[in-house]
Structure formats: C-alpha cells, structure tokens
Amino acid sequence: STVAVPFPSRSSSRSPSIPRKTTIRPAPGNVMRELATRKTSEGNSAAAGLKSVSRDQQTWRKEYKGSSTKAPIATTTVKPSQIKAAQKTPNGMKLVSHAPVCMFKDSKWIIEYQTQTSNQNGVCVIEAKSTKEQIYIYKCENATIKVKGKVKSIIMDSCIKSNLVFESAISSCEVVNCKNLQIQSTGICPSFAIDKTDGCLVFLSQEAVSISSFVTTKSSEMNVSWVDNESGEQKERPIPEQFVHRLVDGALTSDVSDLYH
C-alpha cells in the first residue's frame, strides 16, 4: 500500500521572526540620573562636575524665563604704545609737537620744527650777515625757509614737504633723511649732497648750471630743473638712480642705465 507523506504547510516553513531592538531614550528630566549611572574610563561618574539647576533654569521647559541680567559691556584698554602709533604720519615719522625754533648761535642758524603756520605769511626768513654762517634745518614739515645773503653751507635733516630758497652757498647744500622737498638756488652752489631722501627737486639758476654737481646716496625721485639759455624754457631731468657696472680689463666701470638716455 502507498503511504502519503503530507507536504509541510507554508506557515510552518517561515523562520521565526526576530524582535527588533528598541532604544529607550531617557526623558529630559532623567538625564542627570542617566549620567549618574554611567562611568567614565577613569571609573568616575559621568555626571561628576555638572551643576544641578532648577526647573525655571532649564531652557527646554516652559517655566524658563531667560536671563534677566544684561551681558556685560566689553571694555578695551589702550596701551601707551598704541597711542604713540596713532600719533604718527602715514610716512612713518612722528607728528611735530615741539615749539618752532629759529635762533642764531656761534655762527650757526638753528631752524627746527617749523610749519606752515609758524611764521607770518608761512615763510621763515633768515638774514645772513657773514659768509661764515652755517644753517641747520631740522624736522620741519610743510614749511618754507628763505635765506637771504651768502652763507657757508646749508643742511636739511628729517624734513617733510618743505621748501628751501637761498641765494648762494660757498661749500654745499646737504639733504639727509628727507621726503618731498623743493630747493631753489638763486645764486651759486657748487655741490648738492642728497642722502637717504625720497623726493627732491632742485632748481638751479643760470649761473649754477655749469658749476653745480650732485652726489646722491640711497635716494629716489630726484630731479633737477633749470632755464635753457637758448629757448628760455624751463627744463627738468631726473637724476639717475640705476647704474650698470662692468669689469673691463680688471677694472670696474659704471655707466648710467639706458633708462635715462
């Protein structure tokens, strides 16, 4: 006889369902209790160091009213070095804060801290009475100095945007550590020395054109102007700042760059 083997039903072939793992998040009020049960890697409570707050201080509750105190106003302290930095001009030199000086002592004129408003009509006038007199001009800004008579020498030191007009100097006219100057000689000056100066325009008289010479060191934006005898026009040429040096037969030669030709 044939024995029938029953086929398994579909319901019996299904694998038993695995229940999903659910994460129960603690309510906001139980956060402190949850942290207290946990331990850090050192064995301390994870809630150590936290400060307990009341209900009206918890931001997530309706009872929270916010802070009634205003945030403190930030104050800044100005250092003395910052005050000194603010008292400087854009070119780096300090503002003139000294009293202007114009005095004669031991055959030497001392002109210091002159400005556009230091003198009547904005001009500081010096009247030389001897050819042995020397003139020293120091830290003048936006000033005009006029020298009457023939002097031995003239020195301008650390002046800014100033003008110098003089008749004649027996020795030289020197310019040191200055910026944006204009110098005019109505007579004769055999030598002009320009050192560490940015911006210097020299006006020569017709007498001084063939006599005057220029010695420059570490300076820029230098120009010389004169009146042409033939055309009568005012001419201006830059004083070279760039040179080309070569070794020729063991000797060093220097020529003006082609930029000035």
Protein backbone atom coordinates (compact mmCIF):
# COMPACT_ATOMS: atom_id res chain seq x y z
CA SER A 1 0.00 0.00 0.00
CA THR A 2 1.15 3.54 -0.67
CA VAL A 3 1.64 5.89 2.28
CA ALA A 4 1.03 9.56 1.54
CA VAL A 5 3.57 11.93 3.04
CA PRO A 6 1.99 15.24 3.83
CA PHE A 7 3.75 18.36 2.48
CA PRO A 8 4.67 20.96 5.06
CA SER A 9 2.38 23.95 5.12
CA ARG A 10 3.61 27.44 4.15
CA SER A 11 3.10 28.67 7.61
CA SER A 12 5.48 26.09 9.02
CA SER A 13 8.30 26.97 6.53
CA ARG A 14 8.62 30.54 7.73
CA SER A 15 11.57 31.32 10.03
CA PRO A 16 10.68 32.67 13.39
CA SER A 17 10.66 36.48 13.46
CA ILE A 18 13.45 38.21 15.42
CA PRO A 19 12.19 41.04 17.58
CA ARG A 20 13.79 44.45 16.84
CA LYS A 21 15.88 46.05 19.48
CA THR A 22 14.48 49.42 20.52
CA THR A 23 16.49 52.14 22.23
CA ILE A 24 14.74 53.82 25.04
CA ARG A 25 15.86 57.42 25.35
CA PRO A 26 15.67 58.92 28.77
CA ALA A 27 13.24 61.76 29.29
CA PRO A 28 14.83 65.19 29.66
CA GLY A 29 14.17 65.16 33.36
CA ASN A 30 16.08 61.88 33.76
CA VAL A 31 19.29 62.99 32.01
CA MET A 32 21.07 63.63 35.29
CA ARG A 33 20.02 60.23 36.65
CA GLU A 34 21.16 58.53 33.41
CA LEU A 35 24.58 60.20 33.54
CA ALA A 36 24.97 59.32 37.20
CA THR A 37 24.69 55.59 36.38
CA ARG A 38 27.38 55.74 33.68
CA LYS A 39 31.09 55.61 34.36
CA THR A 40 33.97 57.27 32.61
CA SER A 41 37.17 55.47 31.56
CA GLU A 42 38.75 56.51 34.87
CA GLY A 43 35.88 54.95 36.83
CA ASN A 44 34.30 58.26 37.84
CA SER A 45 30.69 59.15 37.36
CA ALA A 46 29.88 60.80 34.01
CA ALA A 47 27.82 63.38 35.88
CA ALA A 48 30.74 64.47 38.01
CA GLY A 49 31.35 68.20 37.80
CA LEU A 50 27.90 69.05 36.41
CA LYS A 51 25.77 71.56 38.27
CA SER A 52 22.17 70.84 39.11
CA VAL A 53 19.68 73.51 38.03
CA SER A 54 16.08 74.20 39.00
CA ARG A 55 13.10 73.88 36.65
CA ASP A 56 12.95 77.59 35.84
CA GLN A 57 16.61 77.44 34.71
CA GLN A 58 16.14 74.55 32.26
CA THR A 59 15.84 76.04 28.77
CA TRP A 60 13.67 73.23 27.36
CA ARG A 61 10.90 73.76 29.93
CA LYS A 62 8.01 76.20 29.62
CA GLU A 63 8.88 77.63 33.00
CA TYR A 64 12.18 79.00 31.60
CA LYS A 65 12.00 82.81 31.53
CA GLY A 66 15.51 83.60 30.31
CA SER A 67 18.23 85.66 31.91
CA SER A 68 17.14 88.98 33.36
CA THR A 69 20.68 90.33 33.59
CA LYS A 70 22.24 92.11 30.66
CA ALA A 71 25.51 90.95 29.18
CA PRO A 72 28.46 92.99 30.43
CA ILE A 73 29.74 95.66 28.09
CA ALA A 74 33.19 94.80 26.76
CA THR A 75 35.83 97.36 27.60
CA THR A 76 39.18 97.78 25.92
CA THR A 77 42.37 99.08 27.42
CA VAL A 78 44.51 101.33 25.21
CA LYS A 79 48.20 100.72 25.62
CA PRO A 80 50.68 103.62 25.57
CA SER A 81 52.39 102.08 22.55
CA GLN A 82 49.09 102.25 20.62
CA ILE A 83 48.73 105.95 21.44
CA LYS A 84 52.23 106.64 20.15
CA ALA A 85 51.50 104.71 16.94
CA ALA A 86 48.36 106.80 16.34
CA GLN A 87 50.42 109.99 16.61
CA LYS A 88 52.49 109.13 13.54
CA THR A 89 52.00 110.34 10.00
CA PRO A 90 51.40 107.84 7.14
CA ASN A 91 55.03 108.14 6.09
CA GLY A 92 56.18 106.80 9.48
CA MET A 93 57.56 109.99 11.02
CA LYS A 94 56.10 111.42 14.22
CA LEU A 95 53.90 114.48 14.14
CA VAL A 96 55.53 117.78 15.00
CA SER A 97 54.65 118.55 18.62
CA HIS A 98 57.59 120.78 19.57
CA ALA A 99 57.71 124.55 19.63
CA PRO A 100 59.30 126.04 16.48
CA VAL A 101 62.89 127.21 16.85
CA CYS A 102 64.73 129.91 14.90
CA MET A 103 67.90 131.05 16.63
CA PHE A 104 71.48 132.10 15.86
CA LYS A 105 74.32 130.75 17.97
CA ASP A 106 78.07 130.57 17.39
CA SER A 107 77.95 131.37 13.66
CA LYS A 108 75.19 128.81 13.15
CA TRP A 109 71.49 129.22 12.43
CA ILE A 110 69.32 126.54 14.04
CA ILE A 111 65.91 126.14 12.42
CA GLU A 112 63.73 123.42 13.94
CA TYR A 113 60.10 122.26 13.89
CA GLN A 114 58.88 124.96 11.53
CA THR A 115 55.45 124.51 9.92
CA GLN A 116 53.22 126.38 7.53
CA THR A 117 51.62 128.31 10.39
CA SER A 118 54.76 129.03 12.41
CA ASN A 119 55.55 132.36 10.73
CA GLN A 120 53.79 135.29 9.16
CA ASN A 121 52.83 134.57 5.54
CA GLY A 122 54.03 130.98 6.12
CA VAL A 123 57.72 131.83 5.42
CA CYS A 124 60.64 131.61 7.85
CA VAL A 125 63.13 134.29 6.73
CA ILE A 126 66.82 134.16 7.69
CA GLU A 127 69.12 137.10 7.02
CA ALA A 128 72.77 136.06 6.95
CA LYS A 129 75.35 138.76 7.63
CA SER A 130 78.56 136.76 7.12
CA THR A 131 79.81 134.10 4.69
CA LYS A 132 80.99 132.05 7.71
CA GLU A 133 77.48 131.38 8.87
CA GLN A 134 76.02 127.87 8.60
CA ILE A 135 72.37 126.91 8.51
CA TYR A 136 70.97 123.73 10.03
CA ILE A 137 67.29 122.93 9.33
CA TYR A 138 65.78 120.06 11.31
CA LYS A 139 62.36 118.33 11.29
CA CYS A 140 60.35 120.97 9.51
CA GLU A 141 57.04 119.97 7.95
CA ASN A 142 55.05 121.88 5.30
CA ALA A 143 57.38 124.82 5.89
CA THR A 144 59.10 127.35 3.64
CA ILE A 145 62.55 128.66 4.63
CA LYS A 146 64.10 131.59 2.79
CA VAL A 147 67.76 132.52 3.28
CA LYS A 148 68.95 136.00 2.32
CA GLY A 149 72.67 136.55 1.75
CA LYS A 150 75.59 134.23 1.07
CA VAL A 151 76.31 131.51 3.64
CA LYS A 152 78.95 128.84 4.10
CA SER A 153 76.72 125.74 3.98
CA ILE A 154 73.15 124.52 4.43
CA ILE A 155 71.93 121.22 5.88
CA MET A 156 68.34 119.93 5.82
CA ASP A 157 67.72 116.96 8.11
CA SER A 158 64.49 114.91 8.51
CA CYS A 159 62.21 117.45 6.85
CA ILE A 160 58.91 116.65 5.11
CA LYS A 161 57.15 118.53 2.30
CA SER A 162 59.19 121.66 2.82
CA ASN A 163 60.69 124.33 0.56
CA LEU A 164 64.10 126.00 0.74
CA VAL A 165 65.08 129.12 -1.18
CA PHE A 166 68.58 130.55 -0.77
CA GLU A 167 70.90 132.83 -2.67
CA SER A 168 74.37 131.24 -2.57
CA ALA A 169 76.30 128.67 -0.55
CA ILE A 170 80.10 128.64 -0.68
CA SER A 171 80.54 124.99 0.27
CA SER A 172 77.44 122.82 -0.28
CA CYS A 173 73.79 122.16 0.36
CA GLU A 174 73.13 118.79 2.03
CA VAL A 175 69.84 116.90 2.32
CA VAL A 176 69.55 113.93 4.72
CA ASN A 177 66.56 111.73 5.65
CA CYS A 178 64.00 113.99 3.98
CA LYS A 179 60.85 113.47 1.92
CA ASN A 180 59.28 115.59 -0.81
CA LEU A 181 61.49 118.68 -0.82
CA GLN A 182 61.90 121.56 -3.24
CA ILE A 183 65.17 123.51 -3.17
CA GLN A 184 65.95 126.60 -5.20
CA SER A 185 69.27 128.39 -5.50
CA THR A 186 69.04 131.89 -6.97
CA GLY A 187 72.83 132.22 -6.94
CA ILE A 188 75.64 129.67 -6.94
CA CYS A 189 76.02 126.41 -5.02
CA PRO A 190 78.91 124.21 -6.19
CA SER A 191 77.70 120.93 -4.63
CA PHE A 192 74.44 119.27 -3.67
CA ALA A 193 74.58 116.13 -1.50
CA ILE A 194 71.38 114.06 -1.25
CA ASP A 195 71.39 111.14 1.18
CA LYS A 196 68.52 108.79 2.18
CA THR A 197 65.90 111.08 0.68
CA ASP A 198 62.73 110.24 -1.26
CA GLY A 199 61.56 113.07 -3.49
CA CYS A 200 63.83 116.09 -4.08
CA LEU A 201 63.51 118.73 -6.80
CA VAL A 202 66.40 121.18 -7.20
CA PHE A 203 66.03 124.43 -9.17
CA LEU A 204 69.29 125.90 -10.45
CA SER A 205 69.97 129.43 -11.61
CA GLN A 206 71.60 130.11 -14.97
CA GLU A 207 74.88 130.85 -13.18
CA ALA A 208 74.90 127.49 -11.38
CA VAL A 209 74.03 125.25 -14.33
CA SER A 210 77.65 124.73 -15.41
CA ILE A 211 79.07 124.75 -11.87
CA SER A 212 76.83 122.63 -9.62
CA SER A 213 77.36 118.90 -9.09
CA PHE A 214 75.24 116.25 -7.37
CA VAL A 215 76.29 113.43 -5.04
CA THR A 216 73.47 111.02 -4.21
CA THR A 217 73.25 108.03 -1.86
CA LYS A 218 70.26 105.73 -1.18
CA SER A 219 67.81 108.26 -2.59
CA SER A 220 64.94 108.20 -5.08
CA GLU A 221 62.69 110.51 -7.12
CA MET A 222 65.36 113.17 -7.59
CA ASN A 223 65.06 115.81 -10.30
CA VAL A 224 66.96 118.93 -11.37
CA SER A 225 65.35 121.88 -13.15
CA TRP A 226 66.92 124.87 -14.93
CA VAL A 227 66.17 127.52 -17.55
CA ASP A 228 67.56 126.85 -21.01
CA ASN A 229 69.69 129.76 -22.25
CA GLU A 230 68.74 129.32 -25.90
CA SER A 231 64.97 128.73 -25.71
CA GLY A 232 64.31 130.31 -22.33
CA GLU A 233 62.16 127.33 -21.38
CA GLN A 234 62.20 125.63 -18.02
CA LYS A 235 63.66 122.13 -18.35
CA GLU A 236 63.66 119.24 -15.92
CA ARG A 237 65.62 116.00 -15.89
CA PRO A 238 65.69 113.06 -13.45
CA ILE A 239 68.88 112.33 -11.55
CA PRO A 240 69.80 108.67 -12.31
CA GLU A 241 69.12 106.04 -9.69
CA GLN A 242 70.07 102.98 -11.74
CA PHE A 243 73.54 102.15 -13.00
CA VAL A 244 75.23 99.36 -14.96
CA HIS A 245 78.56 98.06 -13.63
CA ARG A 246 81.07 96.07 -15.67
CA LEU A 247 84.51 94.55 -15.23
CA VAL A 248 86.79 95.75 -18.04
CA ASP A 249 90.44 94.61 -18.03
CA GLY A 250 90.34 94.03 -14.29
CA ALA A 251 88.78 97.43 -13.55
CA LEU A 252 85.17 98.12 -12.53
CA THR A 253 83.35 100.64 -14.71
CA SER A 254 79.94 102.21 -14.04
CA ASP A 255 77.56 103.72 -16.59
CA VAL A 256 74.12 105.25 -16.30
CA SER A 257 71.30 102.86 -17.22
CA ASP A 258 69.74 103.17 -20.67
CA LEU A 259 66.51 104.21 -18.99
CA TYR A 260 67.88 107.75 -18.69
CA HIS A 261 69.01 108.15 -22.30
